Amino acid sequence: MKSLVDPQSQTDPSFKSTKLYTRMTASEVRRQLIAQYGYTEEELPTSETIRRKLNDLGYTLKRVLKTKPIKKIPETEAIFEQVKQINTQA
C-alpha cells in the first residue's frame, strides 16, 4: 500500500504535524492493488479496512492547503513607496 500511496502524498506544508496527506482514497488504493498487483476482490479487505490501515500508517485523505502568507508588516507600504520613487527617478 505504501508504494501506491507515497508518490501521491505530501507532508503538512506548515510542518505542524507529522501526518502525511494523500489524494488517494481507500477505494482507489483497493482498485490499484487489484490492477497493479493482481489481487482479486476476495483477497483484499474492504475499503473501510484499508482506510483504517492507511490512517494507522499516518496517511490522511485531505487536500493539501497552501500556507497562508504572513501578515504585512507596517513598513511594507513605506518600502514599496520608496522603491516606486527610485524607479521613477531612474
PDB file of N, CA and C in Angstrom:
ATOM      1  N   MET A   1       0.831  -1.197   0.000  1.00  0.00           N
ATOM      2  CA  MET A   1       0.000   0.000   0.000  1.00  0.00           C
ATOM      3  C   MET A   1       0.869   1.252   0.000  1.00  0.00           C
ATOM      4  N   LYS A   2       1.966   1.213   0.765  1.00  0.00           N
ATOM      5  CA  LYS A   2       2.819   2.396   0.840  1.00  0.00           C
ATOM      6  C   LYS A   2       3.401   2.757  -0.525  1.00  0.00           C
ATOM      7  N   SER A   3       3.738   1.748  -1.331  1.00  0.00           N
ATOM      8  CA  SER A   3       4.313   2.031  -2.645  1.00  0.00           C
ATOM      9  C   SER A   3       3.307   2.710  -3.564  1.00  0.00           C
ATOM     10  N   LEU A   4       2.024   2.505  -3.326  1.00  0.00           N
ATOM     11  CA  LEU A   4       0.988   3.179  -4.109  1.00  0.00           C
ATOM     12  C   LEU A   4       0.719   4.589  -3.599  1.00  0.00           C
ATOM     13  N   VAL A   5       0.712   4.742  -2.286  1.00  0.00           N
ATOM     14  CA  VAL A   5       0.272   5.995  -1.677  1.00  0.00           C
ATOM     15  C   VAL A   5       1.400   7.021  -1.564  1.00  0.00           C
ATOM     16  N   ASP A   6       2.638   6.567  -1.327  1.00  0.00           N
ATOM     17  CA  ASP A   6       3.751   7.504  -1.128  1.00  0.00           C
ATOM     18  C   ASP A   6       3.928   8.520  -2.262  1.00  0.00           C
ATOM     19  N   PRO A   7       3.893   8.097  -3.536  1.00  0.00           N
ATOM     20  CA  PRO A   7       4.060   9.097  -4.603  1.00  0.00           C
ATOM     21  C   PRO A   7       2.930  10.133  -4.660  1.00  0.00           C
ATOM     22  N   GLN A   8       1.787   9.819  -4.060  1.00  0.00           N
ATOM     23  CA  GLN A   8       0.634  10.717  -4.076  1.00  0.00           C
ATOM     24  C   GLN A   8       0.493  11.493  -2.769  1.00  0.00           C
ATOM     25  N   SER A   9       1.514  11.463  -1.916  1.00  0.00           N
ATOM     26  CA  SER A   9       1.399  12.046  -0.580  1.00  0.00           C
ATOM     27  C   SER A   9       2.291  13.265  -0.412  1.00  0.00           C
ATOM     28  N   GLN A  10       1.887  14.114   0.513  1.00  0.00           N
ATOM     29  CA  GLN A  10       2.654  15.301   0.876  1.00  0.00           C
ATOM     30  C   GLN A  10       2.602  15.457   2.382  1.00  0.00           C
ATOM     31  N   THR A  11       3.627  16.120   2.918  1.00  0.00           N
ATOM     32  CA  THR A  11       3.604  16.411   4.347  1.00  0.00           C
ATOM     33  C   THR A  11       2.822  17.694   4.577  1.00  0.00           C
ATOM     34  N   ASP A  12       2.541  17.967   5.813  1.00  0.00           N
ATOM     35  CA  ASP A  12       1.863  19.201   6.197  1.00  0.00           C
ATOM     36  C   ASP A  12       2.758  20.374   5.790  1.00  0.00           C
ATOM     37  N   PRO A  13       2.275  21.314   4.957  1.00  0.00           N
ATOM     38  CA  PRO A  13       3.137  22.389   4.473  1.00  0.00           C
ATOM     39  C   PRO A  13       3.675  23.292   5.575  1.00  0.00           C
ATOM     40  N   SER A  14       2.995  23.369   6.694  1.00  0.00           N
ATOM     41  CA  SER A  14       3.490  24.215   7.784  1.00  0.00           C
ATOM     42  C   SER A  14       4.321  23.405   8.778  1.00  0.00           C
ATOM     43  N   PHE A  15       4.463  22.098   8.543  1.00  0.00           N
ATOM     44  CA  PHE A  15       5.237  21.192   9.398  1.00  0.00           C
ATOM     45  C   PHE A  15       4.769  21.214  10.847  1.00  0.00           C
ATOM     46  N   LYS A  16       3.482  21.444  11.057  1.00  0.00           N
ATOM     47  CA  LYS A  16       2.931  21.457  12.408  1.00  0.00           C
ATOM     48  C   LYS A  16       2.554  20.059  12.879  1.00  0.00           C
ATOM     49  N   SER A  17       2.467  19.107  11.963  1.00  0.00           N
ATOM     50  CA  SER A  17       2.136  17.738  12.348  1.00  0.00           C
ATOM     51  C   SER A  17       2.985  16.779  11.527  1.00  0.00           C
ATOM     52  N   THR A  18       2.984  15.530  11.946  1.00  0.00           N
ATOM     53  CA  THR A  18       3.755  14.518  11.224  1.00  0.00           C
ATOM     54  C   THR A  18       2.879  13.725  10.262  1.00  0.00           C
ATOM     55  N   LYS A  19       1.636  14.136  10.097  1.00  0.00           N
ATOM     56  CA  LYS A  19       0.724  13.429   9.200  1.00  0.00           C
ATOM     57  C   LYS A  19       1.149  13.606   7.752  1.00  0.00           C
ATOM     58  N   LEU A  20       0.833  12.602   6.967  1.00  0.00           N
ATOM     59  CA  LEU A  20       1.031  12.666   5.529  1.00  0.00           C
ATOM     60  C   LEU A  20      -0.339  12.776   4.884  1.00  0.00           C
ATOM     61  N   TYR A  21      -0.503  13.739   4.028  1.00  0.00           N
ATOM     62  CA  TYR A  21      -1.776  13.923   3.347  1.00  0.00           C
ATOM     63  C   TYR A  21      -1.677  13.309   1.960  1.00  0.00           C
ATOM     64  N   THR A  22      -2.677  12.530   1.608  1.00  0.00           N
ATOM     65  CA  THR A  22      -2.684  11.870   0.310  1.00  0.00           C
ATOM     66  C   THR A  22      -3.957  12.214  -0.450  1.00  0.00           C
ATOM     67  N   ARG A  23      -3.853  12.155  -1.769  1.00  0.00           N
ATOM     68  CA  ARG A  23      -5.017  12.429  -2.611  1.00  0.00           C
ATOM     69  C   ARG A  23      -5.749  11.142  -2.976  1.00  0.00           C
ATOM     70  N   MET A  24      -5.168   9.992  -2.644  1.00  0.00           N
ATOM     71  CA  MET A  24      -5.786   8.706  -2.997  1.00  0.00           C
ATOM     72  C   MET A  24      -6.775   8.271  -1.926  1.00  0.00           C
ATOM     73  N   THR A  25      -7.954   7.898  -2.369  1.00  0.00           N
ATOM     74  CA  THR A  25      -8.942   7.360  -1.434  1.00  0.00           C
ATOM     75  C   THR A  25      -8.633   5.886  -1.184  1.00  0.00           C
ATOM     76  N   ALA A  26      -9.221   5.349  -0.139  1.00  0.00           N
ATOM     77  CA  ALA A  26      -9.033   3.930   0.168  1.00  0.00           C
ATOM     78  C   ALA A  26      -9.587   3.058  -0.959  1.00  0.00           C
ATOM     79  N   SER A  27     -10.685   3.483  -1.554  1.00  0.00           N
ATOM     80  CA  SER A  27     -11.263   2.729  -2.677  1.00  0.00           C
ATOM     81  C   SER A  27     -10.308   2.708  -3.863  1.00  0.00           C
ATOM     82  N   GLU A  28      -9.651   3.837  -4.105  1.00  0.00           N
ATOM     83  CA  GLU A  28      -8.687   3.905  -5.206  1.00  0.00           C
ATOM     84  C   GLU A  28      -7.472   3.033  -4.911  1.00  0.00           C
ATOM     85  N   VAL A  29      -7.016   3.014  -3.672  1.00  0.00           N
ATOM     86  CA  VAL A  29      -5.905   2.135  -3.289  1.00  0.00           C
ATOM     87  C   VAL A  29      -6.295   0.684  -3.545  1.00  0.00           C
ATOM     88  N   ARG A  30      -7.504   0.332  -3.186  1.00  0.00           N
ATOM     89  CA  ARG A  30      -8.002  -1.040  -3.395  1.00  0.00           C
ATOM     90  C   ARG A  30      -8.031  -1.379  -4.885  1.00  0.00           C
ATOM     91  N   ARG A  31      -8.540  -0.452  -5.705  1.00  0.00           N
ATOM     92  CA  ARG A  31      -8.585  -0.681  -7.162  1.00  0.00           C
ATOM     93  C   ARG A  31      -7.174  -0.839  -7.736  1.00  0.00           C
ATOM     94  N   GLN A  32      -6.237  -0.020  -7.263  1.00  0.00           N
ATOM     95  CA  GLN A  32      -4.863  -0.093  -7.763  1.00  0.00           C
ATOM     96  C   GLN A  32      -4.171  -1.388  -7.336  1.00  0.00           C
ATOM     97  N   LEU A  33      -4.464  -1.871  -6.135  1.00  0.00           N
ATOM     98  CA  LEU A  33      -3.902  -3.156  -5.697  1.00  0.00           C
ATOM     99  C   LEU A  33      -4.376  -4.284  -6.610  1.00  0.00           C
ATOM    100  N   ILE A  34      -5.617  -4.216  -7.040  1.00  0.00           N
ATOM    101  CA  ILE A  34      -6.157  -5.225  -7.952  1.00  0.00           C
ATOM    102  C   ILE A  34      -5.524  -5.081  -9.333  1.00  0.00           C
ATOM    103  N   ALA A  35      -5.453  -3.845  -9.838  1.00  0.00           N
ATOM    104  CA  ALA A  35      -4.955  -3.610 -11.195  1.00  0.00           C
ATOM    105  C   ALA A  35      -3.444  -3.834 -11.313  1.00  0.00           C
ATOM    106  N   GLN A  36      -2.673  -3.335 -10.361  1.00  0.00           N
ATOM    107  CA  GLN A  36      -1.217  -3.378 -10.494  1.00  0.00           C
ATOM    108  C   GLN A  36      -0.572  -4.627  -9.901  1.00  0.00           C
ATOM    109  N   TYR A  37      -1.165  -5.162  -8.858  1.00  0.00           N
ATOM    110  CA  TYR A  37      -0.530  -6.276  -8.163  1.00  0.00           C
ATOM    111  C   TYR A  37      -1.270  -7.601  -8.317  1.00  0.00           C
ATOM    112  N   GLY A  38      -2.366  -7.609  -9.055  1.00  0.00           N
ATOM    113  CA  GLY A  38      -3.051  -8.848  -9.389  1.00  0.00           C
ATOM    114  C   GLY A  38      -3.875  -9.481  -8.281  1.00  0.00           C
ATOM    115  N   TYR A  39      -4.183  -8.724  -7.247  1.00  0.00           N
ATOM    116  CA  TYR A  39      -5.057  -9.260  -6.202  1.00  0.00           C
ATOM    117  C   TYR A  39      -6.473  -9.414  -6.753  1.00  0.00           C
ATOM    118  N   THR A  40      -7.236 -10.310  -6.150  1.00  0.00           N
ATOM    119  CA  THR A  40      -8.641 -10.449  -6.519  1.00  0.00           C
ATOM    120  C   THR A  40      -9.487  -9.712  -5.488  1.00  0.00           C
ATOM    121  N   GLU A  41     -10.743  -9.486  -5.836  1.00  0.00           N
ATOM    122  CA  GLU A  41     -11.673  -8.806  -4.921  1.00  0.00           C
ATOM    123  C   GLU A  41     -11.766  -9.532  -3.585  1.00  0.00           C
ATOM    124  N   GLU A  42     -11.781 -10.864  -3.641  1.00  0.00           N
ATOM    125  CA  GLU A  42     -11.960 -11.666  -2.434  1.00  0.00           C
ATOM    126  C   GLU A  42     -10.727 -11.646  -1.531  1.00  0.00           C
ATOM    127  N   GLU A  43      -9.547 -11.455  -2.125  1.00  0.00           N
ATOM    128  CA  GLU A  43      -8.306 -11.477  -1.343  1.00  0.00           C
ATOM    129  C   GLU A  43      -8.106 -10.217  -0.512  1.00  0.00           C
ATOM    130  N   LEU A  44      -8.703  -9.121  -0.942  1.00  0.00           N
ATOM    131  CA  LEU A  44      -8.467  -7.841  -0.276  1.00  0.00           C
ATOM    132  C   LEU A  44      -9.553  -7.526   0.743  1.00  0.00           C
ATOM    133  N   PRO A  45      -9.180  -6.804   1.796  1.00  0.00           N
ATOM    134  CA  PRO A  45     -10.195  -6.358   2.758  1.00  0.00           C
ATOM    135  C   PRO A  45     -11.044  -5.245   2.153  1.00  0.00           C
ATOM    136  N   THR A  46     -12.045  -4.826   2.871  1.00  0.00           N
ATOM    137  CA  THR A  46     -12.926  -3.763   2.382  1.00  0.00           C
ATOM    138  C   THR A  46     -12.187  -2.429   2.349  1.00  0.00           C
ATOM    139  N   SER A  47     -12.773  -1.464   1.665  1.00  0.00           N
ATOM    140  CA  SER A  47     -12.188  -0.122   1.601  1.00  0.00           C
ATOM    141  C   SER A  47     -12.099   0.508   2.981  1.00  0.00           C
ATOM    142  N   GLU A  48     -13.069   0.217   3.829  1.00  0.00           N
ATOM    143  CA  GLU A  48     -13.060   0.753   5.195  1.00  0.00           C
ATOM    144  C   GLU A  48     -11.845   0.244   5.971  1.00  0.00           C
ATOM    145  N   THR A  49     -11.522  -1.026   5.822  1.00  0.00           N
ATOM    146  CA  THR A  49     -10.357  -1.606   6.493  1.00  0.00           C
ATOM    147  C   THR A  49      -9.070  -0.997   5.945  1.00  0.00           C
ATOM    148  N   ILE A  50      -9.009  -0.801   4.639  1.00  0.00           N
ATOM    149  CA  ILE A  50      -7.833  -0.176   4.024  1.00  0.00           C
ATOM    150  C   ILE A  50      -7.697   1.259   4.516  1.00  0.00           C
ATOM    151  N   ARG A  51      -8.812   1.973   4.645  1.00  0.00           N
ATOM    152  CA  ARG A  51      -8.774   3.347   5.153  1.00  0.00           C
ATOM    153  C   ARG A  51      -8.198   3.382   6.564  1.00  0.00           C
ATOM    154  N   ARG A  52      -8.650   2.454   7.411  1.00  0.00           N
ATOM    155  CA  ARG A  52      -8.134   2.405   8.789  1.00  0.00           C
ATOM    156  C   ARG A  52      -6.641   2.103   8.811  1.00  0.00           C
ATOM    157  N   LYS A  53      -6.210   1.189   7.954  1.00  0.00           N
ATOM    158  CA  LYS A  53      -4.787   0.837   7.893  1.00  0.00           C
ATOM    159  C   LYS A  53      -3.959   2.027   7.412  1.00  0.00           C
ATOM    160  N   LEU A  54      -4.462   2.754   6.417  1.00  0.00           N
ATOM    161  CA  LEU A  54      -3.760   3.949   5.945  1.00  0.00           C
ATOM    162  C   LEU A  54      -3.657   4.982   7.057  1.00  0.00           C
ATOM    163  N   ASN A  55      -4.723   5.154   7.824  1.00  0.00           N
ATOM    164  CA  ASN A  55      -4.686   6.085   8.956  1.00  0.00           C
ATOM    165  C   ASN A  55      -3.671   5.630   9.999  1.00  0.00           C
ATOM    166  N   ASP A  56      -3.600   4.323  10.252  1.00  0.00           N
ATOM    167  CA  ASP A  56      -2.615   3.791  11.196  1.00  0.00           C
ATOM    168  C   ASP A  56      -1.188   4.046  10.718  1.00  0.00           C
ATOM    169  N   LEU A  57      -0.992   4.034   9.398  1.00  0.00           N
ATOM    170  CA  LEU A  57       0.331   4.296   8.828  1.00  0.00           C
ATOM    171  C   LEU A  57       0.658   5.788   8.781  1.00  0.00           C
ATOM    172  N   GLY A  58      -0.298   6.633   9.160  1.00  0.00           N
ATOM    173  CA  GLY A  58      -0.053   8.070   9.205  1.00  0.00           C
ATOM    174  C   GLY A  58      -0.588   8.847   8.024  1.00  0.00           C
ATOM    175  N   TYR A  59      -1.314   8.189   7.127  1.00  0.00           N
ATOM    176  CA  TYR A  59      -1.859   8.862   5.953  1.00  0.00           C
ATOM    177  C   TYR A  59      -3.261   9.373   6.241  1.00  0.00           C
ATOM    178  N   THR A  60      -3.544  10.564   5.763  1.00  0.00           N
ATOM    179  CA  THR A  60      -4.859  11.158   5.919  1.00  0.00           C
ATOM    180  C   THR A  60      -5.312  11.668   4.562  1.00  0.00           C
ATOM    181  N   LEU A  61      -6.556  11.380   4.212  1.00  0.00           N
ATOM    182  CA  LEU A  61      -7.099  11.883   2.958  1.00  0.00           C
ATOM    183  C   LEU A  61      -7.490  13.335   3.171  1.00  0.00           C
ATOM    184  N   LYS A  62      -6.756  14.218   2.551  1.00  0.00           N
ATOM    185  CA  LYS A  62      -7.043  15.639   2.693  1.00  0.00           C
ATOM    186  C   LYS A  62      -6.334  16.387   1.584  1.00  0.00           C
ATOM    187  N   ARG A  63      -7.014  17.356   1.053  1.00  0.00           N
ATOM    188  CA  ARG A  63      -6.394  18.217   0.070  1.00  0.00           C
ATOM    189  C   ARG A  63      -5.411  19.111   0.805  1.00  0.00           C
ATOM    190  N   VAL A  64      -4.194  19.164   0.327  1.00  0.00           N
ATOM    191  CA  VAL A  64      -3.173  19.953   0.992  1.00  0.00           C
ATOM    192  C   VAL A  64      -3.409  21.420   0.690  1.00  0.00           C
ATOM    193  N   LEU A  65      -3.516  22.211   1.731  1.00  0.00           N
ATOM    194  CA  LEU A  65      -3.725  23.643   1.576  1.00  0.00           C
ATOM    195  C   LEU A  65      -2.390  24.356   1.493  1.00  0.00           C
ATOM    196  N   LYS A  66      -2.353  25.401   0.723  1.00  0.00           N
ATOM    197  CA  LYS A  66      -1.144  26.202   0.664  1.00  0.00           C
ATOM    198  C   LYS A  66      -1.003  26.977   1.964  1.00  0.00           C
ATOM    199  N   THR A  67       0.225  27.228   2.334  1.00  0.00           N
ATOM    200  CA  THR A  67       0.422  28.012   3.551  1.00  0.00           C
ATOM    201  C   THR A  67       0.002  29.445   3.288  1.00  0.00           C
ATOM    202  N   LYS A  68      -0.578  30.050   4.279  1.00  0.00           N
ATOM    203  CA  LYS A  68      -1.021  31.424   4.143  1.00  0.00           C
ATOM    204  C   LYS A  68       0.159  32.356   4.401  1.00  0.00           C
ATOM    205  N   PRO A  69       0.264  33.435   3.628  1.00  0.00           N
ATOM    206  CA  PRO A  69       1.379  34.355   3.849  1.00  0.00           C
ATOM    207  C   PRO A  69       1.248  35.062   5.193  1.00  0.00           C
ATOM    208  N   ILE A  70       2.388  35.426   5.722  1.00  0.00           N
ATOM    209  CA  ILE A  70       2.407  36.159   6.982  1.00  0.00           C
ATOM    210  C   ILE A  70       1.853  37.559   6.727  1.00  0.00           C
ATOM    211  N   LYS A  71       1.166  38.093   7.715  1.00  0.00           N
ATOM    212  CA  LYS A  71       0.583  39.424   7.558  1.00  0.00           C
ATOM    213  C   LYS A  71       1.679  40.452   7.276  1.00  0.00           C
ATOM    214  N   LYS A  72       1.282  41.481   6.537  1.00  0.00           N
ATOM    215  CA  LYS A  72       2.243  42.519   6.189  1.00  0.00           C
ATOM    216  C   LYS A  72       2.703  43.266   7.430  1.00  0.00           C
ATOM    217  N   ILE A  73       3.968  43.623   7.405  1.00  0.00           N
ATOM    218  CA  ILE A  73       4.489  44.453   8.485  1.00  0.00           C
ATOM    219  C   ILE A  73       4.147  45.903   8.166  1.00  0.00           C
ATOM    220  N   PRO A  74       4.081  46.765   9.156  1.00  0.00           N
ATOM    221  CA  PRO A  74       3.708  48.161   8.903  1.00  0.00           C
ATOM    222  C   PRO A  74       4.634  48.870   7.908  1.00  0.00           C
ATOM    223  N   GLU A  75       5.881  48.465   7.847  1.00  0.00           N
ATOM    224  CA  GLU A  75       6.838  49.137   6.959  1.00  0.00           C
ATOM    225  C   GLU A  75       6.689  48.735   5.490  1.00  0.00           C
ATOM    226  N   THR A  76       5.843  47.761   5.183  1.00  0.00           N
ATOM    227  CA  THR A  76       5.723  47.266   3.814  1.00  0.00           C
ATOM    228  C   THR A  76       5.343  48.375   2.843  1.00  0.00           C
ATOM    229  N   GLU A  77       4.335  49.151   3.184  1.00  0.00           N
ATOM    230  CA  GLU A  77       3.903  50.230   2.289  1.00  0.00           C
ATOM    231  C   GLU A  77       5.012  51.252   2.086  1.00  0.00           C
ATOM    232  N   ALA A  78       5.738  51.573   3.137  1.00  0.00           N
ATOM    233  CA  ALA A  78       6.840  52.536   3.026  1.00  0.00           C
ATOM    234  C   ALA A  78       7.942  51.992   2.125  1.00  0.00           C
ATOM    235  N   ILE A  79       8.220  50.710   2.220  1.00  0.00           N
ATOM    236  CA  ILE A  79       9.252  50.099   1.384  1.00  0.00           C
ATOM    237  C   ILE A  79       8.851  50.183  -0.086  1.00  0.00           C
ATOM    238  N   PHE A  80       7.606  49.823  -0.393  1.00  0.00           N
ATOM    239  CA  PHE A  80       7.167  49.872  -1.784  1.00  0.00           C
ATOM    240  C   PHE A  80       7.093  51.306  -2.308  1.00  0.00           C
ATOM    241  N   GLU A  81       6.741  52.240  -1.466  1.00  0.00           N
ATOM    242  CA  GLU A  81       6.717  53.646  -1.876  1.00  0.00           C
ATOM    243  C   GLU A  81       8.123  54.112  -2.227  1.00  0.00           C
ATOM    244  N   GLN A  82       9.099  53.698  -1.425  1.00  0.00           N
ATOM    245  CA  GLN A  82      10.485  54.085  -1.693  1.00  0.00           C
ATOM    246  C   GLN A  82      10.979  53.442  -2.993  1.00  0.00           C
ATOM    247  N   VAL A  83      10.639  52.194  -3.235  1.00  0.00           N
ATOM    248  CA  VAL A  83      11.027  51.519  -4.473  1.00  0.00           C
ATOM    249  C   VAL A  83      10.395  52.223  -5.670  1.00  0.00           C
ATOM    250  N   LYS A  84       9.142  52.629  -5.530  1.00  0.00           N
ATOM    251  CA  LYS A  84       8.449  53.336  -6.610  1.00  0.00           C
ATOM    252  C   LYS A  84       9.149  54.654  -6.929  1.00  0.00           C
ATOM    253  N   GLN A  85       9.553  55.390  -5.894  1.00  0.00           N
ATOM    254  CA  GLN A  85      10.248  56.660  -6.099  1.00  0.00           C
ATOM    255  C   GLN A  85      11.593  56.447  -6.784  1.00  0.00           C
ATOM    256  N   ILE A  86      12.311  55.426  -6.388  1.00  0.00           N
ATOM    257  CA  ILE A  86      13.614  55.136  -7.002  1.00  0.00           C
ATOM    258  C   ILE A  86      13.433  54.763  -8.463  1.00  0.00           C
ATOM    259  N   ASN A  87      12.397  53.993  -8.770  1.00  0.00           N
ATOM    260  CA  ASN A  87      12.147  53.596 -10.158  1.00  0.00           C
ATOM    261  C   ASN A  87      11.769  54.788 -11.025  1.00  0.00           C
ATOM    262  N   THR A  88      11.007  55.730 -10.490  1.00  0.00           N
ATOM    263  CA  THR A  88      10.630  56.900 -11.290  1.00  0.00           C
ATOM    264  C   THR A  88      11.823  57.822 -11.508  1.00  0.00           C
ATOM    265  N   GLN A  89      12.762  57.850 -10.573  1.00  0.00           N
ATOM    266  CA  GLN A  89      13.956  58.688 -10.720  1.00  0.00           C
ATOM    267  C   GLN A  89      14.950  58.074 -11.702  1.00  0.00           C
ATOM    268  N   ALA A  90      14.912  56.782 -11.883  1.00  0.00           N
ATOM    269  CA  ALA A  90      15.894  56.097 -12.738  1.00  0.00           C
ATOM    270  C   ALA A  90      15.588  56.261 -14.203  1.00  0.00           C
TER     271      ALA A  90
END
